[in-house]
Amino acid sequence: MPRPTIGITIDSSDKPNHYESPMAYATAVEKAGGLPLLLPYRTDLSLIPQLVNLLDGVLFSGGNDLDPVLYGETYHPKAEPIDPARQRFELALMAEVEARRMPALGICLGSQLMNVYRGGSLTQFLPDVPRDAAIEHRKLDDVVRRHPIHLDSDTVAVQAIGNTDIDANSSHKQAVNRVGKGLRIIGTSPDGVIEGIEDPSLPLFLGVQWHPERLSDEADHLALFRLLVDKATANR
């Protein structure tokens, strides 16, 4: 049977008029049994239905910070604004994916996008928020930090991973604040930061705040891509 096709959203590059996509996303999808396909966001929005016709599932990847006007705020001084064209494209893509009940996995920015798309909000700069036993969630000085995440047992993520407690990496300064309509929190870090959300009414609408694509050589993290691929296969 042909592999299910998984569309992967991509980012802007430091070079003008270039796209960028870390290879780890496509590699993780391929290792999980999917066929990765990068989605150019400077595409006319009217073509999104045709793009989605090519896909069996979508991976919404990481990137810079959403425009907080989407949830009634202004940019924090520490924000790194997303390319507005990418934001417009991915919001429209998410609407099409949701309407078709197509399996979707959001990573870091992708998870935040899912929440804001559903009317939720973000904490724009975690160091501003007092938390008991606060963890540094940012990647500073090229140091990759890891910390525990506890996942609720009654979730598709735990069914796929097989564990409620995992060791994840951390490379973000923003996180879900007010949870969007129809979503539920499925995982938190020890300092209370929301690390996972899902809509249990859809075949797969799952967002995680960490970067499992960078840990795809570890079974707990590759399991999320296998979940996406399995759901995409069933969706065909």
Protein backbone atom coordinates (compact mmCIF):
# COMPACT_ATOMS: atom_id res chain seq x y z
CA MET A 1 0.00 0.00 0.00
CA PRO A 2 1.37 3.49 -0.82
CA ARG A 3 2.44 5.56 2.15
CA PRO A 4 0.00 8.24 3.32
CA THR A 5 1.03 11.74 2.26
CA ILE A 6 1.71 14.11 5.14
CA GLY A 7 1.86 17.82 4.34
CA ILE A 8 4.40 19.77 6.39
CA THR A 9 4.16 23.53 6.82
CA ILE A 10 7.39 25.46 6.33
CA ASP A 11 8.96 28.69 7.52
CA SER A 12 10.67 31.79 6.16
CA SER A 13 14.43 31.87 5.76
CA ASP A 14 17.05 34.40 6.75
CA LYS A 15 17.72 34.69 3.01
CA PRO A 16 15.20 36.94 1.22
CA ASN A 17 12.68 35.10 -0.97
CA HIS A 18 13.62 31.69 0.42
CA TYR A 19 11.69 29.09 2.38
CA GLU A 20 13.16 27.00 5.20
CA SER A 21 12.26 23.66 6.72
CA PRO A 22 14.38 21.78 9.28
CA MET A 23 15.00 18.30 7.87
CA ALA A 24 13.94 16.67 11.14
CA TYR A 25 10.22 17.11 10.35
CA ALA A 26 10.36 15.26 7.03
CA THR A 27 12.74 12.68 8.47
CA ALA A 28 10.40 11.91 11.38
CA VAL A 29 7.41 11.54 9.04
CA GLU A 30 9.38 9.21 6.77
CA LYS A 31 10.65 7.12 9.71
CA ALA A 32 7.03 6.80 10.90
CA GLY A 33 5.92 5.41 7.55
CA GLY A 34 4.59 8.54 5.88
CA LEU A 35 5.48 10.37 2.67
CA PRO A 36 6.47 13.96 3.57
CA LEU A 37 5.39 16.82 1.32
CA LEU A 38 6.43 20.42 2.06
CA LEU A 39 3.70 23.06 1.68
CA PRO A 40 4.77 26.48 0.32
CA TYR A 41 2.88 29.17 2.19
CA ARG A 42 3.21 31.94 -0.39
CA THR A 43 0.50 30.17 -2.31
CA ASP A 44 -2.79 31.78 -3.29
CA LEU A 45 -5.27 30.85 -0.58
CA SER A 46 -7.79 29.78 -3.21
CA LEU A 47 -5.45 26.86 -4.03
CA ILE A 48 -5.54 25.40 -0.52
CA PRO A 49 -8.37 22.95 -1.28
CA GLN A 50 -6.33 21.57 -4.20
CA LEU A 51 -3.27 21.23 -1.99
CA VAL A 52 -5.27 19.42 0.67
CA ASN A 53 -6.63 17.07 -1.99
CA LEU A 54 -3.07 15.74 -2.26
CA LEU A 55 -2.80 15.00 1.46
CA ASP A 56 -3.89 12.42 4.00
CA GLY A 57 -2.68 14.36 7.06
CA VAL A 58 -0.94 17.60 8.01
CA LEU A 59 1.94 18.46 10.32
CA PHE A 60 1.87 22.10 11.46
CA SER A 61 5.51 22.84 12.26
CA GLY A 62 7.33 25.25 14.56
CA GLY A 63 8.34 28.83 13.86
CA ASN A 64 8.12 32.40 15.07
CA ASP A 65 5.40 34.12 17.09
CA LEU A 66 1.80 34.59 16.00
CA ASP A 67 0.46 38.13 15.81
CA PRO A 68 -1.23 38.58 19.22
CA VAL A 69 -3.90 40.79 17.66
CA LEU A 70 -5.53 37.40 17.00
CA TYR A 71 -6.28 37.19 20.73
CA GLY A 72 -6.60 40.87 21.58
CA GLU A 73 -3.03 41.77 22.57
CA THR A 74 0.00 43.59 21.16
CA TYR A 75 3.40 42.05 20.54
CA HIS A 76 5.63 41.52 23.57
CA PRO A 77 9.04 43.27 23.24
CA LYS A 78 10.74 39.86 23.16
CA ALA A 79 8.52 38.53 20.37
CA GLU A 80 9.85 37.36 17.01
CA PRO A 81 6.98 38.04 14.61
CA ILE A 82 5.91 35.37 12.16
CA ASP A 83 5.81 36.15 8.44
CA PRO A 84 2.22 37.46 8.02
CA ALA A 85 1.88 35.46 4.79
CA ARG A 86 2.66 32.26 6.67
CA GLN A 87 0.11 33.09 9.37
CA ARG A 88 -2.64 33.79 6.81
CA PHE A 89 -1.87 30.59 4.91
CA GLU A 90 -1.77 28.34 7.95
CA LEU A 91 -4.99 29.68 9.46
CA ALA A 92 -6.73 29.06 6.14
CA LEU A 93 -5.09 25.64 5.83
CA MET A 94 -6.20 24.71 9.34
CA ALA A 95 -9.79 25.68 8.53
CA GLU A 96 -9.74 23.40 5.47
CA VAL A 97 -8.13 20.54 7.39
CA GLU A 98 -10.64 20.86 10.22
CA ALA A 99 -13.62 20.97 7.84
CA ARG A 100 -12.45 17.72 6.26
CA ARG A 101 -11.70 16.12 9.65
CA MET A 102 -8.20 15.41 8.34
CA PRO A 103 -5.67 14.24 10.95
CA ALA A 104 -3.39 17.04 12.13
CA LEU A 105 -0.40 17.26 14.48
CA GLY A 106 0.85 20.65 15.67
CA ILE A 107 4.37 21.13 17.04
CA CYS A 108 5.40 24.18 19.08
CA LEU A 109 4.06 27.07 16.93
CA GLY A 110 1.72 24.54 15.31
CA SER A 111 0.21 23.72 18.70
CA GLN A 112 -0.14 27.42 19.53
CA LEU A 113 -1.79 27.99 16.16
CA MET A 114 -4.36 25.29 16.91
CA ASN A 115 -5.23 27.00 20.18
CA VAL A 116 -5.44 30.54 18.77
CA TYR A 117 -7.41 29.31 15.75
CA ARG A 118 -10.00 27.98 18.21
CA GLY A 119 -10.22 31.35 20.01
CA GLY A 120 -7.65 30.72 22.71
CA SER A 121 -4.74 32.90 23.80
CA LEU A 122 -1.03 32.56 24.50
CA THR A 123 1.34 33.55 27.24
CA GLN A 124 3.76 35.60 25.16
CA PHE A 125 6.83 35.41 27.39
CA LEU A 126 7.02 32.68 30.01
CA PRO A 127 9.79 34.33 32.09
CA ASP A 128 7.25 37.07 32.91
CA VAL A 129 4.93 34.55 34.60
CA PRO A 130 5.63 33.60 38.24
CA ARG A 131 5.49 29.80 38.63
CA ASP A 132 6.38 27.46 41.47
CA ALA A 133 9.69 25.74 40.71
CA ALA A 134 9.85 27.51 37.36
CA ILE A 135 11.65 25.68 34.56
CA GLU A 136 13.62 27.44 31.82
CA HIS A 137 11.71 26.47 28.68
CA ARG A 138 13.81 28.48 26.24
CA LYS A 139 16.83 27.26 24.32
CA LEU A 140 19.61 29.56 25.52
CA ASP A 141 23.26 29.53 24.47
CA ASP A 142 22.56 26.53 22.23
CA VAL A 143 21.84 24.41 25.31
CA VAL A 144 19.06 21.88 24.72
CA ARG A 145 17.05 21.54 27.91
CA ARG A 146 14.88 18.58 28.82
CA HIS A 147 12.23 18.16 31.46
CA PRO A 148 9.43 15.77 32.40
CA ILE A 149 5.93 16.06 30.96
CA HIS A 150 2.92 14.35 32.47
CA LEU A 151 0.20 13.33 30.01
CA ASP A 152 -3.39 12.51 30.89
CA SER A 153 -4.00 8.80 30.54
CA ASP A 154 -7.26 9.15 28.59
CA THR A 155 -5.70 10.58 25.41
CA VAL A 156 -4.70 9.30 21.99
CA ALA A 157 -1.17 10.54 22.68
CA VAL A 158 -0.76 8.18 25.64
CA GLN A 159 -2.36 5.34 23.69
CA ALA A 160 0.30 5.88 21.04
CA ILE A 161 3.26 6.45 23.37
CA GLY A 162 2.34 3.88 26.00
CA ASN A 163 3.45 6.13 28.88
CA THR A 164 1.90 8.98 30.84
CA ASP A 165 5.27 10.42 31.83
CA ILE A 166 7.89 11.29 29.24
CA ASP A 167 11.16 13.21 29.07
CA ALA A 168 10.89 15.97 26.47
CA ASN A 169 13.04 18.75 25.05
CA SER A 170 12.17 22.41 25.46
CA SER A 171 12.75 25.32 23.08
CA HIS A 172 9.98 27.88 23.46
CA LYS A 173 9.20 31.15 25.18
CA GLN A 174 5.43 31.13 24.58
CA ALA A 175 2.73 28.65 25.57
CA VAL A 176 -1.03 28.15 25.66
CA ASN A 177 -2.79 30.43 28.13
CA ARG A 178 -6.58 30.46 27.65
CA VAL A 179 -7.57 27.17 26.03
CA GLY A 180 -9.52 27.41 22.78
CA LYS A 181 -13.04 26.16 22.13
CA GLY A 182 -13.41 22.40 21.96
CA LEU A 183 -9.85 21.77 23.13
CA ARG A 184 -8.66 20.13 26.31
CA ILE A 185 -5.31 20.14 28.08
CA ILE A 186 -3.62 16.76 27.82
CA GLY A 187 -0.18 17.45 29.26
CA THR A 188 1.77 19.79 31.54
CA SER A 189 5.33 20.32 32.71
CA PRO A 190 6.17 20.27 36.44
CA ASP A 191 5.84 24.07 36.65
CA GLY A 192 2.33 24.01 35.21
CA VAL A 193 3.08 25.09 31.63
CA ILE A 194 0.63 23.55 29.17
CA GLU A 195 2.51 21.11 26.94
CA GLY A 196 -0.29 19.44 24.99
CA ILE A 197 -3.84 20.05 23.75
CA GLU A 198 -6.31 18.07 21.67
CA ASP A 199 -9.85 18.05 20.32
CA PRO A 200 -11.12 14.57 21.21
CA SER A 201 -14.09 14.92 18.81
CA LEU A 202 -11.84 14.76 15.71
CA PRO A 203 -9.84 11.82 14.37
CA LEU A 204 -6.64 13.69 15.32
CA PHE A 205 -6.27 17.34 16.27
CA LEU A 206 -3.29 17.19 18.60
CA GLY A 207 -0.81 19.88 19.54
CA VAL A 208 2.40 19.46 21.55
CA GLN A 209 4.62 22.26 22.77
CA TRP A 210 7.90 20.35 22.64
CA HIS A 211 9.85 19.22 19.53
CA PRO A 212 9.43 15.46 19.07
CA GLU A 213 10.87 15.66 15.55
CA ARG A 214 14.28 16.37 17.11
CA LEU A 215 13.95 13.21 19.21
CA SER A 216 12.63 10.82 16.57
CA ASP A 217 15.31 8.28 17.46
CA GLU A 218 13.47 7.84 20.79
CA ALA A 219 10.37 5.64 20.75
CA ASP A 220 8.24 7.95 22.93
CA HIS A 221 8.62 10.79 20.46
CA LEU A 222 8.53 8.90 17.18
CA ALA A 223 5.22 7.48 18.44
CA LEU A 224 3.52 10.83 17.79
CA PHE A 225 4.48 10.70 14.11
CA ARG A 226 3.37 7.07 13.91
CA LEU A 227 0.05 8.22 15.37
CA LEU A 228 -0.30 10.88 12.68
CA VAL A 229 0.61 8.42 9.94
CA ASP A 230 -1.77 5.75 11.29
CA LYS A 231 -4.65 8.22 11.50
CA ALA A 232 -3.83 9.51 8.01
CA THR A 233 -3.85 5.96 6.65
CA ALA A 234 -7.27 5.33 8.20
CA ASN A 235 -8.52 8.64 6.78
CA ARG A 236 -7.90 7.68 3.14
